[in-house]
């Protein structure tokens, strides 16, 4: 976890507010799994019921762009290493641990969420929408986004099919 990343700090506050136990991983240290380097995760989370998660936070602004060029698109890209690393961590921890990509959307004006939208979290003068996708579902539907940057994404229809309020993963 990077303390300078407001998305990760907001996600930590969200977990605290929900009474979830977690360990924030220090990304300043290189992670090794077995004898190979692996992308660090952001959180190891347990509870408050039976959830056991390894989480990588993806902060995104919504809508994307700025001013008159703002586009109301739910960006869901990730690095291939993020997807691979979460899967490897979940397997390593075993015992029912699941890898989850947490998409933390910072909602900007003029866009407003509908009343009753689940997992809206107000923190430090920002409104965040907390969404999650199981890494196994993400892997099934992911498509290349940029070969140069080694990024992947989900097509809109697939994203809508598998994305859920993050609280769904906490049960």
C-alpha atoms as a PDB file:
ATOM      1  CA  UNK A   1       0.000   0.000   0.000  1.00  0.00           C
ATOM      2  CA  UNK A   2       1.237   3.479  -0.830  1.00  0.00           C
ATOM      3  CA  UNK A   3       0.303   6.113   1.728  1.00  0.00           C
ATOM      4  CA  UNK A   4       0.583   8.740  -1.018  1.00  0.00           C
ATOM      5  CA  UNK A   5      -2.124   7.017  -3.084  1.00  0.00           C
ATOM      6  CA  UNK A   6      -5.477   8.512  -2.059  1.00  0.00           C
ATOM      7  CA  UNK A   7      -7.369   5.578  -3.587  1.00  0.00           C
ATOM      8  CA  UNK A   8      -5.552   3.081  -1.360  1.00  0.00           C
ATOM      9  CA  UNK A   9      -5.938   5.292   1.713  1.00  0.00           C
ATOM     10  CA  UNK A  10      -9.684   5.602   1.000  1.00  0.00           C
ATOM     11  CA  UNK A  11      -9.968   1.831   0.538  1.00  0.00           C
ATOM     12  CA  UNK A  12      -8.249   1.263   3.891  1.00  0.00           C
ATOM     13  CA  UNK A  13     -10.696   3.677   5.552  1.00  0.00           C
ATOM     14  CA  UNK A  14     -13.582   1.830   3.855  1.00  0.00           C
ATOM     15  CA  UNK A  15     -12.387  -1.503   5.294  1.00  0.00           C
ATOM     16  CA  UNK A  16     -12.020   0.060   8.758  1.00  0.00           C
ATOM     17  CA  UNK A  17     -15.522   1.539   8.581  1.00  0.00           C
ATOM     18  CA  UNK A  18     -16.917  -1.905   7.739  1.00  0.00           C
ATOM     19  CA  UNK A  19     -15.058  -3.589  10.628  1.00  0.00           C
ATOM     20  CA  UNK A  20     -12.908  -5.726   8.345  1.00  0.00           C
ATOM     21  CA  UNK A  21      -9.568  -7.090   9.547  1.00  0.00           C
ATOM     22  CA  UNK A  22      -6.710  -6.402   7.165  1.00  0.00           C
ATOM     23  CA  UNK A  23      -2.983  -6.028   6.690  1.00  0.00           C
ATOM     24  CA  UNK A  24      -1.830  -3.233   4.390  1.00  0.00           C
ATOM     25  CA  UNK A  25       1.185  -4.501   2.439  1.00  0.00           C
ATOM     26  CA  UNK A  26       4.273  -2.284   2.269  1.00  0.00           C
ATOM     27  CA  UNK A  27       4.933  -1.948  -1.460  1.00  0.00           C
ATOM     28  CA  UNK A  28       8.341  -0.389  -0.806  1.00  0.00           C
ATOM     29  CA  UNK A  29       9.647  -3.903  -0.192  1.00  0.00           C
ATOM     30  CA  UNK A  30      10.021  -6.329  -3.088  1.00  0.00           C
ATOM     31  CA  UNK A  31       7.730  -9.366  -2.882  1.00  0.00           C
ATOM     32  CA  UNK A  32       9.008 -12.864  -3.529  1.00  0.00           C
ATOM     33  CA  UNK A  33       6.870 -15.972  -3.742  1.00  0.00           C
ATOM     34  CA  UNK A  34       8.901 -19.167  -3.766  1.00  0.00           C
ATOM     35  CA  UNK A  35      12.010 -18.330  -5.757  1.00  0.00           C
ATOM     36  CA  UNK A  36      10.392 -15.821  -8.139  1.00  0.00           C
ATOM     37  CA  UNK A  37       9.528 -12.134  -7.853  1.00  0.00           C
ATOM     38  CA  UNK A  38       5.791 -11.429  -7.864  1.00  0.00           C
ATOM     39  CA  UNK A  39       3.809  -8.200  -8.025  1.00  0.00           C
ATOM     40  CA  UNK A  40       2.936  -6.957  -4.553  1.00  0.00           C
ATOM     41  CA  UNK A  41      -0.652  -6.907  -3.458  1.00  0.00           C
ATOM     42  CA  UNK A  42      -2.140  -4.031  -1.478  1.00  0.00           C
ATOM     43  CA  UNK A  43      -4.176  -5.754   1.253  1.00  0.00           C
ATOM     44  CA  UNK A  44      -4.679  -9.107   2.913  1.00  0.00           C
ATOM     45  CA  UNK A  45      -8.170  -9.045   4.364  1.00  0.00           C
ATOM     46  CA  UNK A  46     -10.160 -11.376   6.590  1.00  0.00           C
ATOM     47  CA  UNK A  47     -13.780 -10.996   7.675  1.00  0.00           C
ATOM     48  CA  UNK A  48     -15.917  -9.636   9.106  1.00  0.00           C
ATOM     49  CA  UNK A  49     -17.669 -12.934   8.291  1.00  0.00           C
ATOM     50  CA  UNK A  50     -15.844 -15.666   6.354  1.00  0.00           C
ATOM     51  CA  UNK A  51     -14.132 -13.626   3.613  1.00  0.00           C
ATOM     52  CA  UNK A  52     -10.434 -14.253   3.017  1.00  0.00           C
ATOM     53  CA  UNK A  53      -9.076 -11.948   0.339  1.00  0.00           C
ATOM     54  CA  UNK A  54      -5.878 -10.774  -1.283  1.00  0.00           C
ATOM     55  CA  UNK A  55      -6.620  -7.399  -2.854  1.00  0.00           C
ATOM     56  CA  UNK A  56      -4.991  -5.106  -5.383  1.00  0.00           C
ATOM     57  CA  UNK A  57      -6.493  -1.600  -5.509  1.00  0.00           C
ATOM     58  CA  UNK A  58      -6.983   0.084  -8.875  1.00  0.00           C
ATOM     59  CA  UNK A  59      -7.828   3.756  -8.465  1.00  0.00           C
ATOM     60  CA  UNK A  60      -9.741   5.364 -11.305  1.00  0.00           C
ATOM     61  CA  UNK A  61     -11.345   8.747 -11.847  1.00  0.00           C
ATOM     62  CA  UNK A  62     -14.952   8.843 -13.073  1.00  0.00           C
ATOM     63  CA  UNK A  63     -15.729  10.267 -15.484  1.00  0.00           C
ATOM     64  CA  UNK A  64     -12.328   9.961 -17.180  1.00  0.00           C
ATOM     65  CA  UNK A  65     -10.682  12.967 -18.794  1.00  0.00           C
ATOM     66  CA  UNK A  66     -11.435  16.508 -17.704  1.00  0.00           C
ATOM     67  CA  UNK A  67     -13.620  19.495 -18.504  1.00  0.00           C
ATOM     68  CA  UNK A  68     -15.488  19.208 -21.789  1.00  0.00           C
ATOM     69  CA  UNK A  69     -13.466  16.099 -22.659  1.00  0.00           C
ATOM     70  CA  UNK A  70     -14.766  14.077 -19.705  1.00  0.00           C
ATOM     71  CA  UNK A  71     -15.986  10.638 -20.790  1.00  0.00           C
ATOM     72  CA  UNK A  72     -18.405   8.643 -18.601  1.00  0.00           C
ATOM     73  CA  UNK A  73     -16.505   5.352 -18.867  1.00  0.00           C
ATOM     74  CA  UNK A  74     -15.765   2.901 -16.047  1.00  0.00           C
ATOM     75  CA  UNK A  75     -12.091   2.246 -16.724  1.00  0.00           C
ATOM     76  CA  UNK A  76     -11.152  -1.276 -15.638  1.00  0.00           C
ATOM     77  CA  UNK A  77      -7.652  -1.844 -16.987  1.00  0.00           C
ATOM     78  CA  UNK A  78      -4.891  -3.521 -15.029  1.00  0.00           C
ATOM     79  CA  UNK A  79      -1.379  -4.721 -15.667  1.00  0.00           C
ATOM     80  CA  UNK A  80      -1.079  -8.389 -16.635  1.00  0.00           C
ATOM     81  CA  UNK A  81       1.315  -8.722 -13.669  1.00  0.00           C
ATOM     82  CA  UNK A  82      -1.468  -7.572 -11.301  1.00  0.00           C
ATOM     83  CA  UNK A  83      -3.788 -10.333 -12.482  1.00  0.00           C
ATOM     84  CA  UNK A  84      -1.059 -12.980 -12.422  1.00  0.00           C
ATOM     85  CA  UNK A  85       0.255 -11.879  -9.029  1.00  0.00           C
ATOM     86  CA  UNK A  86      -3.143 -11.901  -7.311  1.00  0.00           C
ATOM     87  CA  UNK A  87      -3.850 -15.385  -8.611  1.00  0.00           C
ATOM     88  CA  UNK A  88      -0.473 -16.613  -7.369  1.00  0.00           C
ATOM     89  CA  UNK A  89      -0.940 -15.008  -3.934  1.00  0.00           C
ATOM     90  CA  UNK A  90      -4.425 -16.496  -3.500  1.00  0.00           C
ATOM     91  CA  UNK A  91      -3.123 -19.956  -4.414  1.00  0.00           C
ATOM     92  CA  UNK A  92      -0.155 -19.564  -2.073  1.00  0.00           C
ATOM     93  CA  UNK A  93      -2.294 -18.531   0.908  1.00  0.00           C
ATOM     94  CA  UNK A  94      -4.748 -21.369   0.135  1.00  0.00           C
ATOM     95  CA  UNK A  95      -7.555 -22.129   2.578  1.00  0.00           C
ATOM     96  CA  UNK A  96     -10.238 -20.329   0.601  1.00  0.00           C
ATOM     97  CA  UNK A  97      -8.344 -17.091  -0.115  1.00  0.00           C
ATOM     98  CA  UNK A  98      -9.578 -15.296  -3.235  1.00  0.00           C
ATOM     99  CA  UNK A  99      -7.834 -12.672  -5.314  1.00  0.00           C
ATOM    100  CA  UNK A 100      -9.913  -9.545  -5.909  1.00  0.00           C
ATOM    101  CA  UNK A 101      -9.220  -6.450  -7.972  1.00  0.00           C
ATOM    102  CA  UNK A 102     -10.749  -3.506  -6.093  1.00  0.00           C
ATOM    103  CA  UNK A 103     -11.719  -0.738  -8.496  1.00  0.00           C
ATOM    104  CA  UNK A 104     -11.985   2.429  -6.428  1.00  0.00           C
ATOM    105  CA  UNK A 105     -13.659   5.139  -8.498  1.00  0.00           C
ATOM    106  CA  UNK A 106     -13.253   8.783  -7.455  1.00  0.00           C
ATOM    107  CA  UNK A 107     -16.542  10.317  -8.595  1.00  0.00           C
ATOM    108  CA  UNK A 108     -16.208  13.855  -9.972  1.00  0.00           C
ATOM    109  CA  UNK A 109     -18.821  16.504 -10.652  1.00  0.00           C
ATOM    110  CA  UNK A 110     -21.037  16.899 -12.522  1.00  0.00           C
ATOM    111  CA  UNK A 111     -21.613  13.147 -12.270  1.00  0.00           C
ATOM    112  CA  UNK A 112     -23.685  11.987  -9.318  1.00  0.00           C
ATOM    113  CA  UNK A 113     -24.530   8.445  -8.312  1.00  0.00           C
ATOM    114  CA  UNK A 114     -28.148   7.361  -7.959  1.00  0.00           C
ATOM    115  CA  UNK A 115     -29.626   7.375  -4.477  1.00  0.00           C
ATOM    116  CA  UNK A 116     -29.233   3.948  -2.915  1.00  0.00           C
ATOM    117  CA  UNK A 117     -26.110   2.995  -4.880  1.00  0.00           C
ATOM    118  CA  UNK A 118     -24.263   0.411  -2.790  1.00  0.00           C
ATOM    119  CA  UNK A 119     -20.737   0.957  -1.517  1.00  0.00           C
ATOM    120  CA  UNK A 120     -20.498   4.708  -1.969  1.00  0.00           C
ATOM    121  CA  UNK A 121     -17.902   5.934   0.503  1.00  0.00           C
ATOM    122  CA  UNK A 122     -17.300   9.585   1.375  1.00  0.00           C
ATOM    123  CA  UNK A 123     -13.785  10.253   2.585  1.00  0.00           C
ATOM    124  CA  UNK A 124     -11.679  13.429   2.816  1.00  0.00           C
ATOM    125  CA  UNK A 125     -13.965  15.529   0.601  1.00  0.00           C
ATOM    126  CA  UNK A 126     -14.127  12.844  -2.100  1.00  0.00           C
ATOM    127  CA  UNK A 127     -16.897  10.455  -3.063  1.00  0.00           C
ATOM    128  CA  UNK A 128     -15.656   6.975  -3.918  1.00  0.00           C
ATOM    129  CA  UNK A 129     -17.482   4.030  -5.420  1.00  0.00           C
ATOM    130  CA  UNK A 130     -16.034   0.676  -4.270  1.00  0.00           C
ATOM    131  CA  UNK A 131     -16.289  -2.119  -6.820  1.00  0.00           C
ATOM    132  CA  UNK A 132     -14.627  -5.521  -7.066  1.00  0.00           C
ATOM    133  CA  UNK A 133     -13.967  -8.276  -9.555  1.00  0.00           C
ATOM    134  CA  UNK A 134     -12.721 -11.736  -8.610  1.00  0.00           C
ATOM    135  CA  UNK A 135      -9.364 -12.201 -10.330  1.00  0.00           C
ATOM    136  CA  UNK A 136     -10.531 -15.563 -11.741  1.00  0.00           C
ATOM    137  CA  UNK A 137     -13.481 -13.820 -13.461  1.00  0.00           C
ATOM    138  CA  UNK A 138     -11.238 -11.019 -14.661  1.00  0.00           C
ATOM    139  CA  UNK A 139      -8.760 -13.500 -16.158  1.00  0.00           C
ATOM    140  CA  UNK A 140     -11.579 -15.335 -17.992  1.00  0.00           C
ATOM    141  CA  UNK A 141     -12.801 -12.174 -19.757  1.00  0.00           C
ATOM    142  CA  UNK A 142      -9.669 -10.017 -20.043  1.00  0.00           C
ATOM    143  CA  UNK A 143      -8.461  -8.729 -23.400  1.00  0.00           C
ATOM    144  CA  UNK A 144      -5.177  -6.994 -24.298  1.00  0.00           C
ATOM    145  CA  UNK A 145      -5.307  -3.216 -23.966  1.00  0.00           C
ATOM    146  CA  UNK A 146      -1.683  -2.224 -24.607  1.00  0.00           C
ATOM    147  CA  UNK A 147       1.074  -4.598 -25.636  1.00  0.00           C
ATOM    148  CA  UNK A 148       3.665  -1.890 -24.926  1.00  0.00           C
ATOM    149  CA  UNK A 149       2.486  -1.326 -21.341  1.00  0.00           C
ATOM    150  CA  UNK A 150       1.424  -4.960 -20.804  1.00  0.00           C
ATOM    151  CA  UNK A 151      -2.077  -3.940 -19.762  1.00  0.00           C
ATOM    152  CA  UNK A 152      -5.382  -5.750 -20.101  1.00  0.00           C
ATOM    153  CA  UNK A 153      -9.030  -4.745 -19.657  1.00  0.00           C
ATOM    154  CA  UNK A 154     -12.548  -6.129 -19.778  1.00  0.00           C
ATOM    155  CA  UNK A 155     -14.936  -5.294 -22.614  1.00  0.00           C
ATOM    156  CA  UNK A 156     -17.952  -3.314 -21.358  1.00  0.00           C
ATOM    157  CA  UNK A 157     -20.418  -6.234 -21.473  1.00  0.00           C
ATOM    158  CA  UNK A 158     -18.046  -8.550 -19.589  1.00  0.00           C
ATOM    159  CA  UNK A 159     -17.283  -5.846 -17.022  1.00  0.00           C
ATOM    160  CA  UNK A 160     -20.987  -5.332 -16.325  1.00  0.00           C
ATOM    161  CA  UNK A 161     -21.421  -9.083 -15.947  1.00  0.00           C
ATOM    162  CA  UNK A 162     -18.692  -9.640 -13.343  1.00  0.00           C
ATOM    163  CA  UNK A 163     -18.269  -6.361 -11.415  1.00  0.00           C
ATOM    164  CA  UNK A 164     -19.947  -6.206  -7.993  1.00  0.00           C
ATOM    165  CA  UNK A 165     -20.153  -3.881  -5.027  1.00  0.00           C
ATOM    166  CA  UNK A 166     -17.019  -4.629  -3.006  1.00  0.00           C
ATOM    167  CA  UNK A 167     -19.087  -5.496   0.077  1.00  0.00           C
ATOM    168  CA  UNK A 168     -20.298  -8.630  -1.776  1.00  0.00           C
ATOM    169  CA  UNK A 169     -16.777 -10.027  -1.325  1.00  0.00           C
ATOM    170  CA  UNK A 170     -16.812  -9.433   2.434  1.00  0.00           C
ATOM    171  CA  UNK A 171     -19.345 -12.173   3.293  1.00  0.00           C
END
